[in-house]
Amino acid sequence: MKKSSAPAPVTVRTLQAMKQAGQKIVALTAYDAPMARLLNRCGVDVILVGDSVANVKLGYPNTIPVTLDEMIHHTRAVRRGNTRSLLVADMPFLTYEYDPKEAVRHVGRLIKEGGAAAVKVEGPALDAIKALVSAHIPVMGHLGLTPQSVHQLGGYRVQGRTRRSAAQLSQDARRLERAGVFALVLEAVPGPLARRVTRSLKIPTIGIGAGVHTDGQILVLDDLLGFSDEPTPRFVKPYAHLWSAAARAVGRFCGDVRARRFPGPDQTYS
C-alpha cells in the first residue's frame, strides 16, 4: 500500500513533543476558510479562531461583545479550510467563567457545531478548566494581558512588571498546568518572566509580546499581513503591507470605472 505524503495533523501531543524536542511552535489566527488553507499550506502548527475576530473583522471596539454564535460561525468556516493545523477556538466573554456546567455546554457547541479540536480560555478559570478537562476537552490557557479583562486592567498594558504581579502570574501558570491545560498563551509580559515561566512548566508556552524564549509564537494574522490602517502593538512585526496595496488597487479600479477604462475588451463577452 502506498503511504500518503500528506503531513500528519497536529495534535495536543504534537505540541508537547515539540516542546520536549526544542522545536518552536508556530501559531496564527484565522477567521475564514481561505486563510485557513493558506496557513495549512505554509505549515502553521496551530490556528486560533480568536475572539479578536470581534475587532479585527466585525467592527466591535474590543473582544468583549463577540457572541458564542459568532465564534461558532467563524470556527466552522476555518474548519472547512483546515486539514492539518490544530484548530483552537476562543471562548467568548462570560461563556465559561461562573458556571462549569454551562462552560461545558458552550464548549460542546464550539466542538460539535464549529469543529474545533480545542478551546482557549482566559485567566485562572480553574473550575471551568477542570470541568472541561474532565469532559475530555483539550483546553489552552491564557495569562498576562487578557483582552476580555481590558476594563479591569485599565487598558492594554504589559502585565507582570512588578515583583508581586510576576509572582502571581507564575503561580497562576502552575495552577493552570495542574488543572490540565495542554498549553499556555503568555501575552504582553516581560521576556525574562516569560522565560522563567516557560522553564518551570512541562506544557508548552506560546508567546505574543512575551519575548523569544517561549516555546512558540502567535500573532493576529491581519497584523502580520499589515492588513489594517490602525496602529499595532509594539510586539507586532508586519511581514507585508496589504492594506496599502489593497487601497492602491481599489483606487485604480475606481479611476478606471470613472474613466470608462473598465471593463475593456478583454473583460467583455462578444
Protein backbone atom coordinates (compact mmCIF):
# COMPACT_ATOMS: atom_id res chain seq x y z
CA MET A 1 0.00 0.00 0.00
CA LYS A 2 1.33 3.43 -0.97
CA LYS A 3 1.85 5.72 2.00
CA SER A 4 0.30 9.18 1.96
CA SER A 5 2.78 12.05 1.61
CA ALA A 6 0.42 14.47 3.36
CA PRO A 7 1.78 15.76 6.68
CA ALA A 8 0.20 14.32 9.80
CA PRO A 9 -2.38 16.50 11.55
CA VAL A 10 -1.08 18.47 14.53
CA THR A 11 -2.49 17.33 17.86
CA VAL A 12 -2.08 18.28 21.51
CA ARG A 13 0.56 15.56 21.79
CA THR A 14 2.41 17.01 18.80
CA LEU A 15 2.84 20.30 20.65
CA GLN A 16 4.04 18.58 23.80
CA ALA A 17 6.56 16.59 21.78
CA MET A 18 7.75 19.77 20.08
CA LYS A 19 8.46 21.36 23.47
CA GLN A 20 10.43 18.31 24.56
CA ALA A 21 12.43 18.39 21.32
CA GLY A 22 13.05 22.13 21.50
CA GLN A 23 11.13 22.79 18.28
CA LYS A 24 9.34 26.12 18.05
CA ILE A 25 5.55 26.12 17.67
CA VAL A 26 4.10 28.45 15.02
CA ALA A 27 0.57 29.74 15.63
CA LEU A 28 -1.61 32.33 13.89
CA THR A 29 -5.21 33.46 13.99
CA ALA A 30 -7.64 32.86 11.14
CA TYR A 31 -11.31 33.63 10.72
CA ASP A 32 -12.29 32.08 7.36
CA ALA A 33 -11.63 29.11 5.08
CA PRO A 34 -9.25 30.75 2.54
CA MET A 35 -6.87 31.93 5.25
CA ALA A 36 -7.02 28.51 6.91
CA ARG A 37 -5.97 26.90 3.63
CA LEU A 38 -3.13 29.40 3.30
CA LEU A 39 -1.86 28.71 6.83
CA ASN A 40 -2.05 24.96 6.23
CA ARG A 41 -0.03 25.32 3.05
CA CYS A 42 2.61 27.33 4.91
CA GLY A 43 2.94 24.74 7.69
CA VAL A 44 1.43 26.67 10.60
CA ASP A 45 1.06 24.33 13.59
CA VAL A 46 -1.85 25.98 15.43
CA ILE A 47 -4.74 28.02 14.04
CA LEU A 48 -6.58 30.04 16.65
CA VAL A 49 -10.04 31.32 15.83
CA GLY A 50 -9.52 34.20 18.20
CA ASP A 51 -12.19 36.33 19.79
CA SER A 52 -10.07 39.03 18.16
CA VAL A 53 -12.49 38.48 15.27
CA ALA A 54 -14.62 40.96 17.20
CA ASN A 55 -12.44 43.99 16.50
CA VAL A 56 -10.43 42.63 13.53
CA LYS A 57 -13.39 41.57 11.37
CA LEU A 58 -16.70 42.51 12.99
CA GLY A 59 -16.12 46.15 13.85
CA TYR A 60 -16.51 45.89 17.62
CA PRO A 61 -14.30 48.13 19.79
CA ASN A 62 -12.80 45.16 21.64
CA THR A 63 -13.28 41.40 22.11
CA ILE A 64 -15.99 41.63 24.77
CA PRO A 65 -19.13 41.90 22.56
CA VAL A 66 -18.47 38.84 20.34
CA THR A 67 -21.06 36.11 20.88
CA LEU A 68 -20.82 32.33 21.03
CA ASP A 69 -22.87 32.06 17.83
CA GLU A 70 -20.43 34.38 16.04
CA MET A 71 -17.48 32.32 17.26
CA ILE A 72 -19.17 29.11 16.08
CA HIS A 73 -19.80 30.69 12.66
CA HIS A 74 -16.15 31.64 12.16
CA THR A 75 -14.80 28.41 13.64
CA ARG A 76 -16.97 26.42 11.22
CA ALA A 77 -15.61 28.48 8.32
CA VAL A 78 -12.00 27.90 9.37
CA ARG A 79 -12.67 24.20 9.86
CA ARG A 80 -13.73 23.90 6.21
CA GLY A 81 -10.33 25.16 5.10
CA ASN A 82 -8.22 23.37 7.69
CA THR A 83 -6.65 19.98 7.04
CA ARG A 84 -3.55 19.86 9.25
CA SER A 85 -3.24 22.56 11.91
CA LEU A 86 -4.54 22.10 15.45
CA LEU A 87 -7.75 24.15 15.43
CA VAL A 88 -8.32 26.06 18.66
CA ALA A 89 -11.28 28.38 19.27
CA ASP A 90 -11.55 31.15 21.85
CA MET A 91 -14.35 31.01 24.39
CA PRO A 92 -16.15 34.38 24.38
CA PHE A 93 -16.53 36.59 27.43
CA LEU A 94 -18.99 35.29 30.07
CA THR A 95 -19.47 31.86 28.49
CA TYR A 96 -17.25 29.92 30.92
CA GLU A 97 -16.28 31.98 33.96
CA TYR A 98 -19.03 31.30 36.52
CA ASP A 99 -20.79 28.01 35.83
CA PRO A 100 -18.67 24.96 34.92
CA LYS A 101 -21.69 23.07 33.57
CA GLU A 102 -22.57 25.99 31.33
CA ALA A 103 -18.93 26.17 30.20
CA VAL A 104 -19.03 22.51 29.13
CA ARG A 105 -22.30 23.07 27.26
CA HIS A 106 -20.95 26.13 25.43
CA VAL A 107 -17.65 24.46 24.57
CA GLY A 108 -19.58 21.45 23.34
CA ARG A 109 -21.23 23.69 20.74
CA LEU A 110 -17.85 25.04 19.58
CA ILE A 111 -16.60 21.50 19.10
CA LYS A 112 -19.73 19.80 17.72
CA GLU A 113 -21.06 22.67 15.61
CA GLY A 114 -17.88 24.63 14.95
CA GLY A 115 -15.46 21.75 14.52
CA ALA A 116 -12.81 22.99 16.95
CA ALA A 117 -10.34 20.46 18.31
CA ALA A 118 -9.62 22.51 21.43
CA VAL A 119 -10.63 25.74 23.12
CA LYS A 120 -8.81 28.62 24.81
CA VAL A 121 -9.96 30.38 27.97
CA GLU A 122 -8.50 33.50 29.56
CA GLY A 123 -7.28 33.84 33.13
CA PRO A 124 -7.18 31.33 36.00
CA ALA A 125 -10.72 30.00 35.42
CA LEU A 126 -9.84 26.81 37.28
CA ASP A 127 -13.33 25.42 37.91
CA ALA A 128 -14.29 25.73 34.26
CA ILE A 129 -10.98 24.29 33.08
CA LYS A 130 -11.25 21.29 35.39
CA ALA A 131 -14.81 20.63 34.21
CA LEU A 132 -13.77 20.84 30.57
CA VAL A 133 -10.76 18.58 31.03
CA SER A 134 -12.97 16.09 32.88
CA ALA A 135 -15.23 16.11 29.81
CA HIS A 136 -12.16 15.18 27.68
CA ILE A 137 -11.97 18.61 26.05
CA PRO A 138 -8.45 19.97 25.40
CA VAL A 139 -8.02 23.42 26.94
CA MET A 140 -5.39 26.06 26.24
CA GLY A 141 -4.80 28.66 28.94
CA HIS A 142 -4.05 32.37 28.55
CA LEU A 143 -2.30 34.62 31.09
CA GLY A 144 -0.75 38.09 31.11
CA LEU A 145 -2.72 40.63 29.14
CA THR A 146 -6.14 39.03 28.85
CA PRO A 147 -8.18 41.23 26.46
CA GLN A 148 -11.53 40.17 27.93
CA SER A 149 -10.38 41.87 31.16
CA VAL A 150 -9.39 45.11 29.44
CA HIS A 151 -11.70 47.25 31.59
CA GLN A 152 -10.44 45.69 34.83
CA LEU A 153 -6.82 46.04 33.71
CA GLY A 154 -7.34 49.69 32.78
CA GLY A 155 -6.33 49.22 29.15
CA TYR A 156 -3.94 47.10 27.11
CA ARG A 157 -0.96 47.13 29.46
CA VAL A 158 2.07 44.93 29.91
CA GLN A 159 1.49 42.54 32.83
CA GLY A 160 3.92 41.09 35.38
CA ARG A 161 6.30 44.04 35.70
CA THR A 162 6.15 44.23 39.48
CA ARG A 163 7.53 41.54 41.77
CA ARG A 164 4.07 40.82 43.16
CA SER A 165 2.32 40.58 39.78
CA ALA A 166 5.14 38.44 38.36
CA ALA A 167 4.84 36.04 41.28
CA GLN A 168 1.07 35.88 40.82
CA LEU A 169 1.40 35.13 37.11
CA SER A 170 3.94 32.37 37.81
CA GLN A 171 1.65 30.87 40.43
CA ASP A 172 -1.35 31.03 38.10
CA ALA A 173 0.66 29.30 35.37
CA ARG A 174 1.46 26.39 37.66
CA ARG A 175 -2.17 26.20 38.78
CA LEU A 176 -3.35 26.06 35.18
CA GLU A 177 -0.87 23.29 34.42
CA ARG A 178 -2.14 21.28 37.39
CA ALA A 179 -5.72 21.89 36.25
CA GLY A 180 -4.88 20.18 32.96
CA VAL A 181 -4.34 22.80 30.26
CA PHE A 182 -2.23 21.43 27.40
CA ALA A 183 -0.56 24.75 26.53
CA LEU A 184 -0.43 28.32 27.77
CA VAL A 185 -0.52 31.63 25.89
CA LEU A 186 1.55 34.37 27.55
CA GLU A 187 0.55 37.81 26.26
CA ALA A 188 2.36 41.10 26.85
CA VAL A 189 4.64 40.01 29.68
CA PRO A 190 8.33 40.85 30.13
CA GLY A 191 10.68 38.49 28.33
CA PRO A 192 12.60 37.37 31.44
CA LEU A 193 9.35 36.47 33.21
CA ALA A 194 8.08 34.52 30.19
CA ARG A 195 11.38 32.65 30.11
CA ARG A 196 11.12 31.67 33.79
CA VAL A 197 7.51 30.53 33.40
CA THR A 198 8.36 28.52 30.28
CA ARG A 199 11.22 26.76 32.05
CA SER A 200 9.03 25.97 35.06
CA LEU A 201 6.29 24.23 33.07
CA LYS A 202 6.11 20.88 31.33
CA ILE A 203 3.41 22.16 28.98
CA PRO A 204 4.37 24.42 26.03
CA THR A 205 4.02 28.18 26.21
CA ILE A 206 3.07 30.31 23.20
CA GLY A 207 4.06 33.93 23.38
CA ILE A 208 2.59 37.10 21.97
CA GLY A 209 4.61 40.06 23.10
CA ALA A 210 6.47 37.80 25.53
CA GLY A 211 9.94 37.60 24.04
CA VAL A 212 11.79 34.86 22.21
CA HIS A 213 12.14 32.28 24.98
CA THR A 214 8.60 30.87 24.91
CA ASP A 215 8.03 27.53 23.19
CA GLY A 216 6.18 29.16 20.31
CA GLN A 217 4.80 32.40 18.92
CA ILE A 218 1.39 33.63 17.82
CA LEU A 219 0.21 36.80 16.09
CA VAL A 220 -3.06 38.07 14.72
CA LEU A 221 -2.86 37.28 11.01
CA ASP A 222 -4.14 40.69 9.92
CA ASP A 223 -1.39 42.36 11.96
CA LEU A 224 1.27 40.12 10.41
CA LEU A 225 0.00 40.95 6.91
CA GLY A 226 -0.35 44.66 7.60
CA PHE A 227 -3.98 44.48 6.59
CA SER A 228 -5.18 47.40 8.71
CA ASP A 229 -4.76 51.15 8.91
CA GLU A 230 -4.92 51.03 12.72
CA PRO A 231 -1.80 51.26 14.94
CA THR A 232 -0.44 47.87 16.02
CA PRO A 233 1.19 46.89 19.33
CA ARG A 234 4.96 47.11 19.71
CA PHE A 235 5.32 43.33 19.61
CA VAL A 236 3.86 43.07 16.09
CA LYS A 237 6.22 42.70 13.13
CA PRO A 238 4.36 43.31 9.85
CA TYR A 239 5.67 40.95 7.17
CA ALA A 240 3.63 42.69 4.46
CA HIS A 241 1.63 45.89 3.98
CA LEU A 242 -1.51 44.62 2.31
CA TRP A 243 -3.74 47.48 3.44
CA SER A 244 -1.74 49.95 1.35
CA ALA A 245 -1.60 47.55 -1.60
CA ALA A 246 -5.35 46.93 -1.41
CA ALA A 247 -6.06 50.66 -1.17
CA ARG A 248 -3.99 51.28 -4.30
CA ALA A 249 -5.79 48.50 -6.18
CA VAL A 250 -9.23 49.77 -5.22
CA GLY A 251 -8.20 53.30 -6.11
CA ARG A 252 -7.11 52.17 -9.57
CA PHE A 253 -10.41 50.33 -10.06
CA CYS A 254 -12.38 53.44 -9.10
CA GLY A 255 -10.35 55.51 -11.54
CA ASP A 256 -10.77 53.00 -14.37
CA VAL A 257 -14.53 52.79 -13.92
CA ARG A 258 -14.95 56.55 -13.85
CA ALA A 259 -12.71 57.00 -16.89
CA ARG A 260 -14.54 54.20 -18.75
CA ARG A 261 -11.35 52.09 -18.97
CA PHE A 262 -13.06 49.18 -17.19
CA PRO A 263 -14.45 46.91 -18.41
CA GLY A 264 -12.30 46.81 -21.51
CA PRO A 265 -12.40 44.46 -24.50
CA ASP A 266 -10.66 41.69 -22.55
CA GLN A 267 -13.37 41.77 -19.87
CA THR A 268 -16.31 41.93 -22.28
CA TYR A 269 -18.14 38.98 -23.86
CA SER A 270 -18.79 39.17 -27.63
